Amino acid sequence: QVQLVESGGGLVPAGGSLNLSCSTSINVLKGSTMGWYRQLPGRQRTPLARITATGVVTFADSVEGRFSISRDDAKNAVLLYMSRLKPEDTAVYYCNTGPNPNPLYWGQGTQVTVSS
């Protein structure tokens, strides 16, 4: 059973930074584009950023210039670096394959709360 485990969330003041980590298995990561998604309260899950197996990155307009993404295939991890956080970034953050997430891979996510 594939399991993606997100961690690193927490409470941070507006303007602050957080780094999220996604731990996965080599069977998921190897050769795959990986992405980060978030679900705001009462909203659908939306894509934020993705990184291809060769390191090409893409960001949603809402986080462009504030978030960055990287992967460490040796550690089977995908990382999301978030800076200049805003209260509207408050959400549960998930990782999955991209650009089409596998519905079987959704984990529990990690809560990020940005206080104003």
N, C-alpha and C. Protein backbone atom coordinates (compact mmCIF):
# COMPACT_ATOMS: atom_id res chain seq x y z
N GLN A 1 0.84 -1.19 0.00
CA GLN A 1 0.00 0.00 0.00
C GLN A 1 0.88 1.24 0.00
N VAL A 2 0.62 2.13 -0.95
CA VAL A 2 1.40 3.35 -1.05
C VAL A 2 0.97 4.32 0.03
N GLN A 3 1.93 4.96 0.64
CA GLN A 3 1.62 5.92 1.66
C GLN A 3 2.48 7.15 1.46
N LEU A 4 1.84 8.29 1.38
CA LEU A 4 2.54 9.56 1.37
C LEU A 4 2.26 10.25 2.69
N VAL A 5 3.30 10.68 3.34
CA VAL A 5 3.17 11.27 4.67
C VAL A 5 3.72 12.69 4.64
N GLU A 6 2.84 13.63 4.90
CA GLU A 6 3.23 15.04 4.93
C GLU A 6 3.52 15.46 6.37
N SER A 7 4.50 16.34 6.52
CA SER A 7 4.83 16.84 7.85
C SER A 7 5.40 18.25 7.74
N GLY A 8 5.50 18.91 8.87
CA GLY A 8 6.12 20.23 8.91
C GLY A 8 5.17 21.39 9.08
N GLY A 9 3.88 21.10 9.08
CA GLY A 9 2.91 22.16 9.24
C GLY A 9 2.94 22.73 10.66
N GLY A 10 2.18 23.79 10.85
CA GLY A 10 2.10 24.40 12.16
C GLY A 10 1.48 25.77 12.09
N LEU A 11 1.62 26.49 13.18
CA LEU A 11 1.09 27.85 13.29
C LEU A 11 2.24 28.84 13.10
N VAL A 12 2.03 29.79 12.23
CA VAL A 12 3.08 30.76 11.93
C VAL A 12 2.45 32.13 11.72
N PRO A 13 3.09 33.20 12.14
CA PRO A 13 2.52 34.53 11.90
C PRO A 13 2.65 34.93 10.45
N ALA A 14 1.79 35.82 10.03
CA ALA A 14 1.87 36.33 8.67
C ALA A 14 3.26 36.89 8.40
N GLY A 15 3.77 36.58 7.22
CA GLY A 15 5.12 36.99 6.87
C GLY A 15 6.18 35.97 7.21
N GLY A 16 5.79 34.95 7.94
CA GLY A 16 6.74 33.92 8.34
C GLY A 16 6.96 32.86 7.29
N SER A 17 7.72 31.84 7.67
CA SER A 17 8.09 30.77 6.76
C SER A 17 7.87 29.41 7.39
N LEU A 18 7.64 28.44 6.54
CA LEU A 18 7.54 27.05 6.97
C LEU A 18 8.08 26.17 5.86
N ASN A 19 8.64 25.05 6.26
CA ASN A 19 9.10 24.06 5.30
C ASN A 19 8.33 22.77 5.52
N LEU A 20 7.71 22.28 4.48
CA LEU A 20 6.96 21.04 4.54
C LEU A 20 7.74 19.92 3.88
N SER A 21 7.52 18.74 4.37
CA SER A 21 8.18 17.57 3.82
C SER A 21 7.16 16.49 3.51
N CYS A 22 7.39 15.79 2.44
CA CYS A 22 6.55 14.68 2.04
C CYS A 22 7.43 13.45 1.90
N SER A 23 7.12 12.45 2.67
CA SER A 23 7.87 11.20 2.60
C SER A 23 7.05 10.19 1.80
N THR A 24 7.73 9.56 0.87
CA THR A 24 7.01 8.61 0.04
C THR A 24 7.90 7.40 -0.25
N SER A 25 7.42 6.55 -1.09
CA SER A 25 8.20 5.36 -1.42
C SER A 25 8.86 5.56 -2.78
N ILE A 26 9.91 4.81 -3.01
CA ILE A 26 10.63 4.96 -4.27
C ILE A 26 9.75 4.61 -5.45
N ASN A 27 8.81 3.73 -5.24
CA ASN A 27 7.93 3.36 -6.34
C ASN A 27 7.05 4.50 -6.79
N VAL A 28 6.79 5.42 -5.89
CA VAL A 28 5.99 6.58 -6.26
C VAL A 28 6.87 7.66 -6.87
N LEU A 29 8.02 7.88 -6.26
CA LEU A 29 8.86 9.03 -6.61
C LEU A 29 9.62 8.84 -7.91
N LYS A 30 10.17 7.68 -8.11
CA LYS A 30 11.10 7.47 -9.21
C LYS A 30 10.45 7.75 -10.55
N GLY A 31 11.03 8.71 -11.26
CA GLY A 31 10.55 9.04 -12.59
C GLY A 31 9.25 9.82 -12.63
N SER A 32 8.71 10.16 -11.47
CA SER A 32 7.40 10.81 -11.43
C SER A 32 7.52 12.31 -11.20
N THR A 33 6.59 13.03 -11.79
CA THR A 33 6.38 14.42 -11.39
C THR A 33 5.64 14.40 -10.07
N MET A 34 6.12 15.18 -9.11
CA MET A 34 5.48 15.24 -7.81
C MET A 34 4.97 16.65 -7.56
N GLY A 35 3.89 16.73 -6.81
CA GLY A 35 3.30 18.04 -6.58
C GLY A 35 2.83 18.22 -5.15
N TRP A 36 2.65 19.48 -4.82
CA TRP A 36 2.02 19.85 -3.56
C TRP A 36 0.67 20.49 -3.86
N TYR A 37 -0.28 20.18 -3.02
CA TYR A 37 -1.64 20.66 -3.16
C TYR A 37 -2.09 21.20 -1.81
N ARG A 38 -3.14 21.97 -1.82
CA ARG A 38 -3.70 22.41 -0.55
C ARG A 38 -5.21 22.49 -0.66
N GLN A 39 -5.81 22.35 0.50
CA GLN A 39 -7.27 22.44 0.59
C GLN A 39 -7.61 23.48 1.63
N LEU A 40 -8.16 24.59 1.17
CA LEU A 40 -8.60 25.63 2.07
C LEU A 40 -9.93 25.22 2.68
N PRO A 41 -10.24 25.75 3.84
CA PRO A 41 -11.52 25.39 4.49
C PRO A 41 -12.70 25.62 3.56
N GLY A 42 -13.49 24.58 3.37
CA GLY A 42 -14.68 24.70 2.55
C GLY A 42 -14.43 24.76 1.05
N ARG A 43 -13.19 24.51 0.65
CA ARG A 43 -12.87 24.59 -0.78
C ARG A 43 -12.33 23.25 -1.28
N GLN A 44 -12.23 23.13 -2.58
CA GLN A 44 -11.66 21.93 -3.16
C GLN A 44 -10.13 21.99 -3.10
N ARG A 45 -9.52 20.82 -3.16
CA ARG A 45 -8.08 20.73 -3.18
C ARG A 45 -7.55 21.29 -4.48
N THR A 46 -6.51 22.11 -4.40
CA THR A 46 -5.97 22.75 -5.60
C THR A 46 -4.46 22.54 -5.68
N PRO A 47 -3.91 22.48 -6.87
CA PRO A 47 -2.46 22.33 -7.03
C PRO A 47 -1.72 23.62 -6.72
N LEU A 48 -0.54 23.48 -6.13
CA LEU A 48 0.29 24.62 -5.77
C LEU A 48 1.59 24.66 -6.56
N ALA A 49 2.23 23.52 -6.61
CA ALA A 49 3.55 23.47 -7.20
C ALA A 49 3.83 22.03 -7.60
N ARG A 50 4.64 21.89 -8.62
CA ARG A 50 5.05 20.55 -8.98
C ARG A 50 6.48 20.58 -9.50
N ILE A 51 7.11 19.42 -9.44
CA ILE A 51 8.49 19.29 -9.89
C ILE A 51 8.61 17.99 -10.66
N THR A 52 9.19 18.06 -11.84
CA THR A 52 9.35 16.86 -12.64
C THR A 52 10.55 16.05 -12.15
N ALA A 53 10.69 14.88 -12.73
CA ALA A 53 11.81 14.03 -12.36
C ALA A 53 13.16 14.67 -12.70
N THR A 54 13.14 15.59 -13.65
CA THR A 54 14.37 16.28 -14.04
C THR A 54 14.52 17.65 -13.39
N GLY A 55 13.59 17.99 -12.50
CA GLY A 55 13.75 19.21 -11.74
C GLY A 55 13.07 20.44 -12.29
N VAL A 56 12.26 20.29 -13.30
CA VAL A 56 11.52 21.44 -13.82
C VAL A 56 10.36 21.73 -12.88
N VAL A 57 10.22 22.98 -12.49
CA VAL A 57 9.20 23.34 -11.49
C VAL A 57 8.14 24.25 -12.09
N THR A 58 6.97 24.14 -11.54
CA THR A 58 5.83 24.96 -11.94
C THR A 58 5.08 25.36 -10.69
N PHE A 59 4.59 26.61 -10.66
CA PHE A 59 3.88 27.10 -9.49
C PHE A 59 2.55 27.73 -9.87
N ALA A 60 1.60 27.63 -8.96
CA ALA A 60 0.36 28.37 -9.12
C ALA A 60 0.63 29.85 -8.93
N ASP A 61 -0.16 30.68 -9.58
CA ASP A 61 0.04 32.13 -9.48
C ASP A 61 0.01 32.61 -8.04
N SER A 62 -0.82 31.98 -7.23
CA SER A 62 -1.02 32.43 -5.86
C SER A 62 0.22 32.27 -4.99
N VAL A 63 1.15 31.41 -5.40
CA VAL A 63 2.33 31.16 -4.57
C VAL A 63 3.63 31.45 -5.30
N GLU A 64 3.54 31.81 -6.57
CA GLU A 64 4.73 32.12 -7.36
C GLU A 64 5.56 33.19 -6.66
N GLY A 65 6.85 32.93 -6.53
CA GLY A 65 7.74 33.90 -5.89
C GLY A 65 7.81 33.78 -4.38
N ARG A 66 6.89 33.05 -3.79
CA ARG A 66 6.90 32.88 -2.32
C ARG A 66 7.22 31.44 -1.91
N PHE A 67 6.82 30.49 -2.73
CA PHE A 67 7.05 29.09 -2.44
C PHE A 67 8.08 28.51 -3.40
N SER A 68 8.80 27.52 -2.93
CA SER A 68 9.67 26.77 -3.81
C SER A 68 9.53 25.29 -3.49
N ILE A 69 9.91 24.47 -4.44
CA ILE A 69 9.74 23.02 -4.29
C ILE A 69 11.04 22.34 -4.68
N SER A 70 11.34 21.26 -4.01
CA SER A 70 12.50 20.47 -4.38
C SER A 70 12.21 19.01 -4.08
N ARG A 71 13.09 18.15 -4.57
CA ARG A 71 12.92 16.72 -4.32
C ARG A 71 14.27 16.13 -3.98
N ASP A 72 14.23 15.12 -3.15
CA ASP A 72 15.44 14.39 -2.81
C ASP A 72 15.13 12.92 -3.04
N ASP A 73 15.46 12.46 -4.24
CA ASP A 73 15.11 11.10 -4.59
C ASP A 73 15.84 10.08 -3.74
N ALA A 74 17.02 10.43 -3.26
CA ALA A 74 17.76 9.50 -2.42
C ALA A 74 17.06 9.26 -1.10
N LYS A 75 16.30 10.27 -0.66
CA LYS A 75 15.58 10.15 0.60
C LYS A 75 14.09 9.95 0.39
N ASN A 76 13.70 9.79 -0.88
CA ASN A 76 12.28 9.60 -1.20
C ASN A 76 11.43 10.71 -0.61
N ALA A 77 11.86 11.94 -0.82
CA ALA A 77 11.17 13.06 -0.20
C ALA A 77 10.94 14.19 -1.20
N VAL A 78 9.85 14.90 -0.97
CA VAL A 78 9.53 16.09 -1.75
C VAL A 78 9.31 17.21 -0.73
N LEU A 79 9.93 18.34 -0.98
CA LEU A 79 9.91 19.42 0.00
C LEU A 79 9.23 20.66 -0.57
N LEU A 80 8.55 21.38 0.30
CA LEU A 80 7.92 22.65 -0.08
C LEU A 80 8.39 23.71 0.90
N TYR A 81 9.03 24.73 0.36
CA TYR A 81 9.52 25.83 1.17
C TYR A 81 8.57 27.01 0.98
N MET A 82 8.00 27.46 2.08
CA MET A 82 7.00 28.52 2.01
C MET A 82 7.51 29.75 2.76
N SER A 83 7.47 30.88 2.11
CA SER A 83 7.90 32.12 2.75
C SER A 83 6.85 33.19 2.52
N ARG A 84 6.98 34.27 3.25
CA ARG A 84 6.04 35.40 3.17
C ARG A 84 4.60 34.90 3.22
N LEU A 85 4.35 34.06 4.20
CA LEU A 85 3.05 33.43 4.32
C LEU A 85 1.98 34.47 4.64
N LYS A 86 0.79 34.19 4.13
CA LYS A 86 -0.37 35.06 4.32
C LYS A 86 -1.47 34.28 5.02
N PRO A 87 -2.37 34.97 5.69
CA PRO A 87 -3.48 34.24 6.32
C PRO A 87 -4.27 33.39 5.33
N GLU A 88 -4.34 33.82 4.09
CA GLU A 88 -5.08 33.03 3.09
C GLU A 88 -4.34 31.78 2.65
N ASP A 89 -3.12 31.58 3.14
CA ASP A 89 -2.41 30.32 2.91
C ASP A 89 -2.82 29.25 3.90
N THR A 90 -3.63 29.63 4.87
CA THR A 90 -4.10 28.65 5.85
C THR A 90 -4.87 27.55 5.15
N ALA A 91 -4.43 26.32 5.34
CA ALA A 91 -5.01 25.18 4.63
C ALA A 91 -4.36 23.90 5.12
N VAL A 92 -4.90 22.79 4.64
CA VAL A 92 -4.23 21.51 4.81
C VAL A 92 -3.44 21.25 3.53
N TYR A 93 -2.19 20.91 3.67
CA TYR A 93 -1.28 20.73 2.54
C TYR A 93 -0.99 19.25 2.32
N TYR A 94 -1.03 18.86 1.06
CA TYR A 94 -0.85 17.47 0.67
C TYR A 94 0.19 17.37 -0.44
N CYS A 95 0.79 16.20 -0.54
CA CYS A 95 1.62 15.93 -1.72
C CYS A 95 1.00 14.75 -2.46
N ASN A 96 1.34 14.65 -3.71
CA ASN A 96 0.83 13.58 -4.57
C ASN A 96 1.59 13.69 -5.88
N THR A 97 1.32 12.79 -6.78
CA THR A 97 1.91 12.91 -8.11
C THR A 97 1.25 14.09 -8.83
N GLY A 98 1.89 14.54 -9.88
CA GLY A 98 1.35 15.64 -10.64
C GLY A 98 1.61 15.44 -12.12
N PRO A 99 0.93 16.18 -12.99
CA PRO A 99 -0.14 17.12 -12.67
C PRO A 99 -1.47 16.45 -12.34
N ASN A 100 -1.57 15.16 -12.53
CA ASN A 100 -2.80 14.43 -12.21
C ASN A 100 -2.57 13.58 -10.97
N PRO A 101 -3.07 14.02 -9.85
CA PRO A 101 -2.83 13.27 -8.61
C PRO A 101 -3.52 11.91 -8.65
N ASN A 102 -2.86 10.95 -8.03
CA ASN A 102 -3.44 9.61 -7.93
C ASN A 102 -4.36 9.58 -6.72
N PRO A 103 -5.63 9.31 -6.92
CA PRO A 103 -6.56 9.34 -5.78
C PRO A 103 -6.22 8.34 -4.68
N LEU A 104 -5.44 7.33 -5.01
CA LEU A 104 -5.07 6.34 -4.01
C LEU A 104 -3.91 6.81 -3.13
N TYR A 105 -3.28 7.91 -3.51
CA TYR A 105 -2.08 8.35 -2.80
C TYR A 105 -2.32 9.43 -1.75
N TRP A 106 -3.54 9.97 -1.70
CA TRP A 106 -3.77 11.06 -0.75
C TRP A 106 -3.50 10.59 0.68
N GLY A 107 -2.69 11.36 1.38
CA GLY A 107 -2.41 11.08 2.77
C GLY A 107 -3.26 11.96 3.67
N GLN A 108 -2.83 12.11 4.92
CA GLN A 108 -3.58 12.89 5.89
C GLN A 108 -3.35 14.39 5.74
N GLY A 109 -2.27 14.74 5.08
CA GLY A 109 -1.96 16.16 4.93
C GLY A 109 -1.36 16.72 6.20
N THR A 110 -0.92 17.96 6.11
CA THR A 110 -0.39 18.67 7.26
C THR A 110 -1.00 20.06 7.31
N GLN A 111 -1.47 20.44 8.48
CA GLN A 111 -2.18 21.71 8.64
C GLN A 111 -1.20 22.86 8.76
N VAL A 112 -1.45 23.88 7.97
CA VAL A 112 -0.70 25.13 8.06
C VAL A 112 -1.68 26.22 8.43
N THR A 113 -1.39 26.93 9.50
CA THR A 113 -2.24 28.03 9.94
C THR A 113 -1.39 29.28 10.04
N VAL A 114 -1.83 30.31 9.32
CA VAL A 114 -1.10 31.58 9.31
C VAL A 114 -1.96 32.61 10.03
N SER A 115 -1.44 33.13 11.10
CA SER A 115 -2.19 34.11 11.89
C SER A 115 -1.92 35.52 11.37
N SER A 116 -2.96 36.35 11.47
CA SER A 116 -2.82 37.72 10.97
C SER A 116 -2.29 38.65 12.05
